[in-house]
Amino acid sequence: MIKDNDELPDLDAILEDNPGWLDEAIDTPAVSKLTGVPVCTLTTWRCRGGGPRFLKYGKSVRYRRRAVLGWMDACEAPYIDRDGRIHRE
């Protein structure tokens, strides 16, 4: 667990040590932990449409970490400053 005073590792540092990390297939509980979205909500989204893209291997469901992070990035709301200007970053 990361404490308040600890910094998150840089993505480049993670990829240097684990080049295939972004393309690993992770299970639904791991996606839930990463996104904060409950497992039951991810399951509903898979059935009804929505949420991150997923892979289906028989009865097993997996998500590419890259797809989950991309989906999270796409969900980020823009910031609106006091002057009403919209900022995307």
C-alpha atoms as a PDB file:
ATOM      1  CA  MET A   1       0.000   0.000   0.000  1.00  0.00           C
ATOM      2  CA  ILE A   2       1.225   3.500  -0.813  1.00  0.00           C
ATOM      3  CA  LYS A   3       1.361   6.019   1.991  1.00  0.00           C
ATOM      4  CA  ASP A   4       0.524   9.692   1.549  1.00  0.00           C
ATOM      5  CA  ASN A   5       4.161  10.768   1.545  1.00  0.00           C
ATOM      6  CA  ASP A   6       5.272   8.112  -0.964  1.00  0.00           C
ATOM      7  CA  GLU A   7       5.263   8.832  -4.673  1.00  0.00           C
ATOM      8  CA  LEU A   8       3.771   6.518  -7.262  1.00  0.00           C
ATOM      9  CA  PRO A   9       6.344   4.885  -9.522  1.00  0.00           C
ATOM     10  CA  ASP A  10       6.792   6.421 -12.952  1.00  0.00           C
ATOM     11  CA  LEU A  11       5.175   4.419 -15.774  1.00  0.00           C
ATOM     12  CA  ASP A  12       8.442   4.436 -17.730  1.00  0.00           C
ATOM     13  CA  ALA A  13      10.222   2.859 -14.750  1.00  0.00           C
ATOM     14  CA  ILE A  14       7.568   0.141 -14.509  1.00  0.00           C
ATOM     15  CA  LEU A  15       7.817  -0.602 -18.229  1.00  0.00           C
ATOM     16  CA  GLU A  16      11.610  -0.685 -18.123  1.00  0.00           C
ATOM     17  CA  ASP A  17      11.520  -3.524 -15.592  1.00  0.00           C
ATOM     18  CA  ASN A  18       8.347  -5.169 -17.004  1.00  0.00           C
ATOM     19  CA  PRO A  19       8.090  -4.484 -20.757  1.00  0.00           C
ATOM     20  CA  GLY A  20       4.822  -6.420 -21.237  1.00  0.00           C
ATOM     21  CA  TRP A  21       3.086  -4.967 -18.177  1.00  0.00           C
ATOM     22  CA  LEU A  22       0.571  -2.848 -20.110  1.00  0.00           C
ATOM     23  CA  ASP A  23      -0.540  -5.785 -22.243  1.00  0.00           C
ATOM     24  CA  GLU A  24      -1.014  -8.261 -19.387  1.00  0.00           C
ATOM     25  CA  ALA A  25      -4.522  -9.672 -19.082  1.00  0.00           C
ATOM     26  CA  ILE A  26      -5.920  -9.022 -15.615  1.00  0.00           C
ATOM     27  CA  ASP A  27      -9.076 -10.418 -14.024  1.00  0.00           C
ATOM     28  CA  THR A  28     -12.209  -8.581 -12.952  1.00  0.00           C
ATOM     29  CA  PRO A  29     -11.253  -8.230  -9.248  1.00  0.00           C
ATOM     30  CA  ALA A  30      -7.937  -6.659 -10.303  1.00  0.00           C
ATOM     31  CA  VAL A  31      -9.791  -4.190 -12.555  1.00  0.00           C
ATOM     32  CA  SER A  32     -12.142  -3.410  -9.684  1.00  0.00           C
ATOM     33  CA  LYS A  33      -9.194  -2.677  -7.411  1.00  0.00           C
ATOM     34  CA  LEU A  34      -7.480  -0.543 -10.084  1.00  0.00           C
ATOM     35  CA  THR A  35     -10.566   1.510 -10.966  1.00  0.00           C
ATOM     36  CA  GLY A  36     -12.540   1.496  -7.733  1.00  0.00           C
ATOM     37  CA  VAL A  37     -15.565   0.221  -9.653  1.00  0.00           C
ATOM     38  CA  PRO A  38     -17.324  -2.714  -7.931  1.00  0.00           C
ATOM     39  CA  VAL A  39     -17.068  -6.156  -9.558  1.00  0.00           C
ATOM     40  CA  CYS A  40     -20.866  -6.325  -9.922  1.00  0.00           C
ATOM     41  CA  THR A  41     -20.857  -3.020 -11.846  1.00  0.00           C
ATOM     42  CA  LEU A  42     -18.130  -4.250 -14.204  1.00  0.00           C
ATOM     43  CA  THR A  43     -20.189  -7.406 -14.775  1.00  0.00           C
ATOM     44  CA  THR A  44     -23.305  -5.351 -15.549  1.00  0.00           C
ATOM     45  CA  TRP A  45     -21.387  -3.122 -17.942  1.00  0.00           C
ATOM     46  CA  ARG A  46     -20.053  -6.174 -19.793  1.00  0.00           C
ATOM     47  CA  CYS A  47     -23.618  -7.450 -20.299  1.00  0.00           C
ATOM     48  CA  ARG A  48     -25.247  -4.120 -21.150  1.00  0.00           C
ATOM     49  CA  GLY A  49     -22.366  -2.369 -22.863  1.00  0.00           C
ATOM     50  CA  GLY A  50     -19.986   0.146 -21.379  1.00  0.00           C
ATOM     51  CA  GLY A  51     -16.887   0.008 -19.263  1.00  0.00           C
ATOM     52  CA  PRO A  52     -13.444  -1.023 -20.468  1.00  0.00           C
ATOM     53  CA  ARG A  53     -13.024  -3.449 -23.367  1.00  0.00           C
ATOM     54  CA  PHE A  54     -12.529  -7.025 -22.253  1.00  0.00           C
ATOM     55  CA  LEU A  55     -11.355 -10.401 -23.521  1.00  0.00           C
ATOM     56  CA  LYS A  56     -13.435 -13.559 -23.292  1.00  0.00           C
ATOM     57  CA  TYR A  57     -11.682 -16.948 -23.086  1.00  0.00           C
ATOM     58  CA  GLY A  58     -14.477 -19.495 -22.797  1.00  0.00           C
ATOM     59  CA  LYS A  59     -16.079 -18.569 -19.476  1.00  0.00           C
ATOM     60  CA  SER A  60     -13.095 -16.515 -18.309  1.00  0.00           C
ATOM     61  CA  VAL A  61     -13.105 -12.734 -18.623  1.00  0.00           C
ATOM     62  CA  ARG A  62      -9.896 -10.723 -18.679  1.00  0.00           C
ATOM     63  CA  TYR A  63      -8.992  -7.113 -19.386  1.00  0.00           C
ATOM     64  CA  ARG A  64      -5.796  -5.802 -20.918  1.00  0.00           C
ATOM     65  CA  ARG A  65      -4.286  -3.360 -18.456  1.00  0.00           C
ATOM     66  CA  ARG A  66      -3.663  -0.951 -21.359  1.00  0.00           C
ATOM     67  CA  ALA A  67      -7.393  -0.987 -22.250  1.00  0.00           C
ATOM     68  CA  VAL A  68      -8.425  -0.314 -18.654  1.00  0.00           C
ATOM     69  CA  LEU A  69      -6.003   2.599 -18.269  1.00  0.00           C
ATOM     70  CA  GLY A  70      -7.095   4.004 -21.648  1.00  0.00           C
ATOM     71  CA  TRP A  71     -10.746   3.754 -20.620  1.00  0.00           C
ATOM     72  CA  MET A  72      -9.993   5.531 -17.346  1.00  0.00           C
ATOM     73  CA  ASP A  73      -8.189   8.290 -19.244  1.00  0.00           C
ATOM     74  CA  ALA A  74     -11.165   8.705 -21.593  1.00  0.00           C
ATOM     75  CA  CYS A  75     -13.503   9.023 -18.580  1.00  0.00           C
ATOM     76  CA  GLU A  76     -11.553  11.908 -17.083  1.00  0.00           C
ATOM     77  CA  ALA A  77     -13.724  14.997 -16.874  1.00  0.00           C
ATOM     78  CA  PRO A  78     -12.324  18.326 -18.030  1.00  0.00           C
ATOM     79  CA  TYR A  79     -11.385  20.960 -15.482  1.00  0.00           C
ATOM     80  CA  ILE A  80     -13.276  24.242 -15.674  1.00  0.00           C
ATOM     81  CA  ASP A  81     -11.502  27.215 -14.114  1.00  0.00           C
ATOM     82  CA  ARG A  82     -13.118  30.239 -12.438  1.00  0.00           C
ATOM     83  CA  ASP A  83     -13.313  32.076 -15.750  1.00  0.00           C
ATOM     84  CA  GLY A  84     -15.276  29.240 -17.331  1.00  0.00           C
ATOM     85  CA  ARG A  85     -12.403  28.044 -19.520  1.00  0.00           C
ATOM     86  CA  ILE A  86     -12.259  24.300 -20.100  1.00  0.00           C
ATOM     87  CA  HIS A  87      -8.914  22.559 -19.559  1.00  0.00           C
ATOM     88  CA  ARG A  88      -8.410  18.993 -20.737  1.00  0.00           C
ATOM     89  CA  GLU A  89      -5.088  18.453 -18.941  1.00  0.00           C
END
